[in-house]
N, C-alpha and C. Protein backbone atom coordinates (compact mmCIF):
# COMPACT_ATOMS: atom_id res chain seq x y z
N MET A 1 -4.94 1.04 20.08
CA MET A 1 -5.05 0.09 18.97
C MET A 1 -6.53 -0.39 18.82
N GLU A 2 -7.15 -0.67 19.98
CA GLU A 2 -8.55 -1.16 19.94
C GLU A 2 -9.44 -0.10 19.30
N ALA A 3 -9.16 1.24 19.56
CA ALA A 3 -9.96 2.31 18.99
C ALA A 3 -9.79 2.29 17.48
N LEU A 4 -8.60 2.01 16.94
CA LEU A 4 -8.43 2.02 15.51
C LEU A 4 -9.13 0.83 14.88
N VAL A 5 -9.12 -0.34 15.51
CA VAL A 5 -9.78 -1.47 15.03
C VAL A 5 -11.32 -1.20 15.02
N ALA A 6 -11.80 -0.56 16.09
CA ALA A 6 -13.27 -0.25 16.07
C ALA A 6 -13.62 0.77 15.01
N LEU A 7 -12.74 1.73 14.75
CA LEU A 7 -13.01 2.69 13.67
C LEU A 7 -12.99 2.03 12.28
N LEU A 8 -12.07 1.06 12.09
CA LEU A 8 -12.02 0.43 10.84
C LEU A 8 -13.27 -0.48 10.65
N ALA A 9 -13.72 -1.11 11.73
CA ALA A 9 -14.98 -1.93 11.66
C ALA A 9 -16.16 -1.05 11.30
N LEU A 10 -16.21 0.15 11.96
CA LEU A 10 -17.29 1.07 11.66
C LEU A 10 -17.27 1.56 10.24
N ALA A 11 -16.05 1.80 9.78
CA ALA A 11 -15.96 2.25 8.36
C ALA A 11 -16.42 1.16 7.39
N LEU A 12 -16.18 -0.03 7.69
CA LEU A 12 -16.61 -1.13 6.79
C LEU A 12 -18.07 -1.45 6.89
N THR A 13 -18.61 -1.33 8.11
CA THR A 13 -20.05 -1.74 8.27
C THR A 13 -20.97 -0.62 7.86
N ALA A 14 -20.50 0.67 7.83
CA ALA A 14 -21.36 1.80 7.50
C ALA A 14 -21.51 1.96 6.00
N CYS A 15 -20.92 1.06 5.22
CA CYS A 15 -20.89 1.20 3.76
C CYS A 15 -22.24 0.70 3.17
N ALA A 16 -22.84 1.64 2.39
CA ALA A 16 -24.07 1.16 1.79
C ALA A 16 -24.08 1.58 0.34
N ALA A 17 -23.38 2.53 -0.15
CA ALA A 17 -23.37 3.00 -1.50
C ALA A 17 -21.93 3.08 -1.99
N PRO A 18 -21.68 2.93 -3.29
CA PRO A 18 -20.34 3.12 -3.83
C PRO A 18 -19.89 4.50 -3.69
N PRO A 19 -18.53 4.70 -3.64
CA PRO A 19 -18.01 6.07 -3.44
C PRO A 19 -18.34 7.00 -4.65
N ALA A 20 -18.54 8.26 -4.33
CA ALA A 20 -18.75 9.21 -5.36
C ALA A 20 -17.39 9.89 -5.66
N ILE A 21 -16.85 9.48 -6.80
CA ILE A 21 -15.47 9.95 -7.17
C ILE A 21 -15.61 10.55 -8.53
N ALA A 22 -14.95 11.74 -8.70
CA ALA A 22 -14.86 12.42 -10.00
C ALA A 22 -13.50 12.86 -10.25
N PRO A 23 -12.87 12.38 -11.29
CA PRO A 23 -11.50 12.86 -11.59
C PRO A 23 -11.53 14.38 -11.82
N ALA A 24 -10.57 15.07 -11.24
CA ALA A 24 -10.51 16.52 -11.43
C ALA A 24 -10.25 16.88 -12.90
N GLY A 25 -10.90 17.98 -13.30
CA GLY A 25 -10.63 18.48 -14.65
C GLY A 25 -11.21 17.68 -15.77
N THR A 26 -12.15 16.78 -15.49
CA THR A 26 -12.73 16.02 -16.65
C THR A 26 -13.96 16.67 -17.19
N GLY A 27 -14.42 17.80 -16.58
CA GLY A 27 -15.57 18.55 -17.10
C GLY A 27 -16.81 17.94 -16.58
N GLY A 28 -17.86 18.73 -16.50
CA GLY A 28 -19.16 18.26 -16.06
C GLY A 28 -19.32 18.18 -14.58
N GLU A 29 -18.29 18.24 -13.76
CA GLU A 29 -18.49 18.19 -12.35
C GLU A 29 -18.93 19.56 -11.84
N VAL A 30 -19.65 19.54 -10.75
CA VAL A 30 -20.14 20.77 -10.14
C VAL A 30 -19.08 21.30 -9.19
N PRO A 31 -18.63 22.53 -9.37
CA PRO A 31 -17.57 23.10 -8.49
C PRO A 31 -18.05 23.13 -7.02
N ARG A 32 -17.17 22.80 -6.17
CA ARG A 32 -17.49 22.83 -4.68
C ARG A 32 -16.67 23.89 -4.06
N ILE A 33 -17.27 24.52 -3.06
CA ILE A 33 -16.53 25.50 -2.25
C ILE A 33 -16.16 24.73 -1.00
N THR A 34 -14.88 24.55 -0.83
CA THR A 34 -14.36 23.75 0.25
C THR A 34 -13.33 24.63 1.05
N PRO A 35 -13.06 24.20 2.33
CA PRO A 35 -12.02 24.82 3.06
C PRO A 35 -10.67 24.58 2.39
N VAL A 36 -9.65 25.39 2.70
CA VAL A 36 -8.32 25.19 2.21
C VAL A 36 -7.77 23.89 2.79
N PRO A 37 -7.33 22.99 1.94
CA PRO A 37 -6.83 21.68 2.46
C PRO A 37 -5.40 21.80 3.04
N ASP A 38 -5.14 20.85 3.88
CA ASP A 38 -3.70 20.68 4.31
C ASP A 38 -3.14 19.50 3.61
N GLY A 39 -1.82 19.51 3.39
CA GLY A 39 -1.17 18.36 2.76
C GLY A 39 -0.76 17.39 3.86
N TYR A 40 -0.95 16.09 3.57
CA TYR A 40 -0.56 15.01 4.52
C TYR A 40 0.19 13.96 3.74
N ALA A 41 1.34 13.49 4.31
CA ALA A 41 2.09 12.34 3.81
C ALA A 41 1.64 11.15 4.60
N CYS A 42 1.04 10.21 3.83
CA CYS A 42 0.49 8.98 4.50
C CYS A 42 1.10 7.76 3.75
N GLY A 43 1.90 7.00 4.38
CA GLY A 43 2.41 5.73 3.81
C GLY A 43 3.05 5.97 2.38
N GLY A 44 3.82 7.06 2.26
CA GLY A 44 4.50 7.36 0.99
C GLY A 44 3.63 8.06 -0.09
N GLN A 45 2.43 8.35 0.24
CA GLN A 45 1.53 9.07 -0.66
C GLN A 45 1.21 10.42 -0.09
N ILE A 46 0.94 11.37 -0.96
CA ILE A 46 0.56 12.74 -0.54
C ILE A 46 -0.83 12.99 -0.81
N PHE A 47 -1.62 13.41 0.17
CA PHE A 47 -3.04 13.72 0.11
C PHE A 47 -3.22 15.17 0.50
N LYS A 48 -4.27 15.81 -0.04
CA LYS A 48 -4.77 17.12 0.46
C LYS A 48 -6.09 16.84 1.08
N VAL A 49 -6.23 17.28 2.33
CA VAL A 49 -7.48 16.98 3.10
C VAL A 49 -7.92 18.24 3.83
N ALA A 50 -9.17 18.59 3.70
CA ALA A 50 -9.81 19.62 4.45
C ALA A 50 -10.93 19.06 5.31
N PHE A 51 -10.76 19.08 6.64
CA PHE A 51 -11.78 18.52 7.48
C PHE A 51 -12.82 19.53 7.93
N GLU A 52 -14.04 19.14 7.92
CA GLU A 52 -15.14 19.94 8.46
C GLU A 52 -15.89 19.01 9.46
N GLU A 53 -16.91 19.56 10.12
CA GLU A 53 -17.62 18.74 11.11
C GLU A 53 -18.20 17.52 10.53
N GLY A 54 -18.84 17.60 9.34
CA GLY A 54 -19.59 16.44 8.78
C GLY A 54 -18.98 15.83 7.58
N VAL A 55 -17.89 16.35 7.02
CA VAL A 55 -17.27 15.83 5.80
C VAL A 55 -15.79 16.22 5.72
N ALA A 56 -15.06 15.34 5.11
CA ALA A 56 -13.62 15.59 4.80
C ALA A 56 -13.55 15.63 3.25
N TYR A 57 -12.97 16.75 2.76
CA TYR A 57 -12.79 16.92 1.31
C TYR A 57 -11.30 16.45 1.02
N VAL A 58 -11.20 15.44 0.14
CA VAL A 58 -9.93 14.84 -0.13
C VAL A 58 -9.52 14.89 -1.56
N THR A 59 -8.26 15.25 -1.82
CA THR A 59 -7.65 15.13 -3.15
C THR A 59 -6.63 14.02 -3.06
N LEU A 60 -6.87 12.97 -3.86
CA LEU A 60 -5.94 11.89 -3.88
C LEU A 60 -4.65 12.19 -4.68
N PRO A 61 -3.58 11.44 -4.59
CA PRO A 61 -2.37 11.72 -5.32
C PRO A 61 -2.55 11.84 -6.83
N ASP A 62 -3.54 11.19 -7.38
CA ASP A 62 -3.73 11.27 -8.85
C ASP A 62 -4.62 12.41 -9.28
N GLY A 63 -5.05 13.25 -8.27
CA GLY A 63 -5.88 14.43 -8.63
C GLY A 63 -7.37 14.14 -8.41
N THR A 64 -7.75 12.90 -8.15
CA THR A 64 -9.15 12.64 -7.91
C THR A 64 -9.66 13.31 -6.68
N MET A 65 -10.79 13.93 -6.74
CA MET A 65 -11.36 14.61 -5.54
C MET A 65 -12.58 13.85 -5.06
N MET A 66 -12.77 13.78 -3.79
CA MET A 66 -13.94 13.19 -3.18
C MET A 66 -14.25 13.85 -1.88
N ALA A 67 -15.55 13.65 -1.54
CA ALA A 67 -16.02 14.11 -0.19
C ALA A 67 -16.37 12.85 0.63
N LEU A 68 -15.73 12.70 1.76
CA LEU A 68 -15.96 11.57 2.64
C LEU A 68 -16.90 11.98 3.75
N PRO A 69 -18.08 11.44 3.84
CA PRO A 69 -18.94 11.72 4.92
C PRO A 69 -18.46 11.21 6.25
N ARG A 70 -18.81 11.94 7.30
CA ARG A 70 -18.41 11.50 8.64
C ARG A 70 -19.29 10.34 9.01
N GLN A 71 -18.74 9.31 9.55
CA GLN A 71 -19.45 8.14 10.04
C GLN A 71 -19.61 8.21 11.50
N ARG A 72 -20.84 8.12 11.99
CA ARG A 72 -21.05 8.19 13.43
C ARG A 72 -21.58 6.84 13.95
N PRO A 73 -21.01 6.32 15.02
CA PRO A 73 -21.46 5.03 15.55
C PRO A 73 -22.88 5.20 16.18
N PRO A 74 -23.65 4.11 16.11
CA PRO A 74 -24.98 4.17 16.77
C PRO A 74 -24.84 4.50 18.20
N GLY A 75 -25.73 5.33 18.70
CA GLY A 75 -25.73 5.77 20.12
C GLY A 75 -24.79 6.89 20.43
N GLY A 76 -24.14 7.47 19.40
CA GLY A 76 -23.24 8.57 19.60
C GLY A 76 -21.82 8.11 19.83
N ALA A 77 -20.87 9.00 19.70
CA ALA A 77 -19.46 8.74 19.82
C ALA A 77 -18.91 9.33 21.05
N ASP A 78 -17.82 8.74 21.57
CA ASP A 78 -17.11 9.32 22.64
C ASP A 78 -16.52 10.64 22.19
N PRO A 79 -16.74 11.71 22.88
CA PRO A 79 -16.25 13.03 22.33
C PRO A 79 -14.75 13.14 22.19
N GLU A 80 -13.99 12.26 22.86
CA GLU A 80 -12.54 12.22 22.72
C GLU A 80 -12.06 11.28 21.64
N ALA A 81 -12.95 10.45 21.03
CA ALA A 81 -12.56 9.52 20.04
C ALA A 81 -12.27 10.24 18.76
N PRO A 82 -11.35 9.66 17.89
CA PRO A 82 -11.10 10.26 16.61
C PRO A 82 -12.38 10.28 15.77
N ARG A 83 -12.52 11.30 14.91
CA ARG A 83 -13.60 11.33 13.99
C ARG A 83 -13.25 10.55 12.78
N LEU A 84 -14.23 9.77 12.28
CA LEU A 84 -14.02 8.87 11.13
C LEU A 84 -14.77 9.41 9.92
N PHE A 85 -14.08 9.55 8.78
CA PHE A 85 -14.68 10.01 7.56
C PHE A 85 -14.38 8.91 6.51
N SER A 86 -15.44 8.34 5.86
CA SER A 86 -15.22 7.25 5.01
C SER A 86 -16.37 7.12 3.94
N ASN A 87 -15.94 6.63 2.76
CA ASN A 87 -16.99 6.24 1.75
C ASN A 87 -17.00 4.78 1.51
N CYS A 88 -16.48 3.99 2.48
CA CYS A 88 -16.44 2.55 2.43
C CYS A 88 -15.20 2.00 1.66
N ARG A 89 -14.48 2.83 1.01
CA ARG A 89 -13.29 2.40 0.35
C ARG A 89 -12.05 3.17 0.89
N THR A 90 -12.25 4.48 1.03
CA THR A 90 -11.19 5.36 1.53
C THR A 90 -11.62 5.93 2.87
N ALA A 91 -10.75 5.91 3.83
CA ALA A 91 -11.12 6.44 5.18
C ALA A 91 -9.96 7.26 5.74
N PHE A 92 -10.31 8.32 6.42
CA PHE A 92 -9.43 9.17 7.17
C PHE A 92 -9.99 9.26 8.61
N THR A 93 -9.08 9.31 9.61
CA THR A 93 -9.54 9.66 10.96
C THR A 93 -8.81 10.92 11.36
N GLN A 94 -9.46 11.68 12.22
CA GLN A 94 -8.82 12.90 12.75
C GLN A 94 -9.10 12.99 14.22
N GLU A 95 -8.10 13.04 14.99
CA GLU A 95 -8.20 13.22 16.38
C GLU A 95 -8.48 14.68 16.62
N ILE A 96 -9.45 14.98 17.48
CA ILE A 96 -9.74 16.41 17.73
C ILE A 96 -9.19 16.81 19.05
N GLU A 97 -8.69 15.88 19.87
CA GLU A 97 -8.06 16.18 21.15
C GLU A 97 -6.52 15.96 20.96
N GLY A 98 -5.81 16.67 21.81
CA GLY A 98 -4.34 16.41 21.79
C GLY A 98 -3.69 16.92 20.52
N GLY A 99 -2.90 16.01 19.91
CA GLY A 99 -2.10 16.37 18.79
C GLY A 99 -2.72 16.45 17.46
N ARG A 100 -4.06 16.24 17.33
CA ARG A 100 -4.77 16.28 16.08
C ARG A 100 -4.20 15.36 15.02
N ALA A 101 -3.85 14.13 15.47
CA ALA A 101 -3.32 13.08 14.55
C ALA A 101 -4.27 12.75 13.47
N VAL A 102 -3.79 12.43 12.28
CA VAL A 102 -4.57 12.01 11.14
C VAL A 102 -4.07 10.67 10.69
N ARG A 103 -4.98 9.79 10.37
CA ARG A 103 -4.66 8.45 9.80
C ARG A 103 -5.48 8.22 8.53
N TYR A 104 -4.90 7.29 7.69
CA TYR A 104 -5.52 6.96 6.43
C TYR A 104 -5.55 5.48 6.18
N ALA A 105 -6.60 4.99 5.56
CA ALA A 105 -6.76 3.54 5.17
C ALA A 105 -7.53 3.49 3.91
N MET A 106 -7.21 2.44 3.12
CA MET A 106 -7.91 2.25 1.83
C MET A 106 -8.19 0.72 1.70
N ASP A 107 -9.36 0.41 1.17
CA ASP A 107 -9.76 -0.94 0.88
C ASP A 107 -9.61 -1.88 2.05
N GLY A 108 -9.96 -1.44 3.25
CA GLY A 108 -9.92 -2.34 4.41
C GLY A 108 -8.58 -2.57 5.03
N ALA A 109 -7.55 -1.94 4.49
CA ALA A 109 -6.18 -2.13 5.05
C ALA A 109 -6.12 -1.45 6.44
N ALA A 110 -5.04 -1.73 7.18
CA ALA A 110 -4.83 -1.04 8.46
C ALA A 110 -4.57 0.42 8.28
N PHE A 111 -4.94 1.22 9.21
CA PHE A 111 -4.73 2.67 9.22
C PHE A 111 -3.25 2.94 9.29
N LEU A 112 -2.79 3.96 8.49
CA LEU A 112 -1.46 4.47 8.48
C LEU A 112 -1.41 5.83 9.08
N GLU A 113 -0.38 6.12 9.84
CA GLU A 113 -0.21 7.50 10.38
C GLU A 113 0.11 8.47 9.26
N CYS A 114 -0.41 9.64 9.33
CA CYS A 114 -0.15 10.67 8.34
C CYS A 114 0.59 11.79 9.06
N LYS A 115 1.52 12.35 8.27
CA LYS A 115 2.26 13.56 8.86
C LYS A 115 1.81 14.76 8.04
N ARG A 116 1.45 15.74 8.81
CA ARG A 116 1.01 17.08 8.18
C ARG A 116 2.26 17.72 7.57
N MET A 117 2.07 18.16 6.36
CA MET A 117 3.19 18.82 5.61
C MET A 117 3.19 20.29 5.85
N PRO A 118 4.36 20.90 5.94
CA PRO A 118 4.44 22.37 6.14
C PRO A 118 3.91 23.11 4.92
């Protein structure tokens, strides 16, 4: 629990710029080549997320697409700690050890457990 609180604090303090969000299909956006996302059910909402080392590509339930940069704590991270991806409004964590659990939070709310969809 303390690790989740620390991740949420990092997500909120690392915020410097507004999120870059572009509704899908509105024209004018630059196409991105991203890994194939997995579906996750998080708190009654369905997200598509593709995790890479430095960024998580997210499609929100309304079709909005965004890239969440990985936030790294000063001095480096514990290699077993979950990786945090956030744009200061939307955040996902991904455990890279064990069960590869994923969690989601928005607007400073507590992280919710996500279940990977088949």
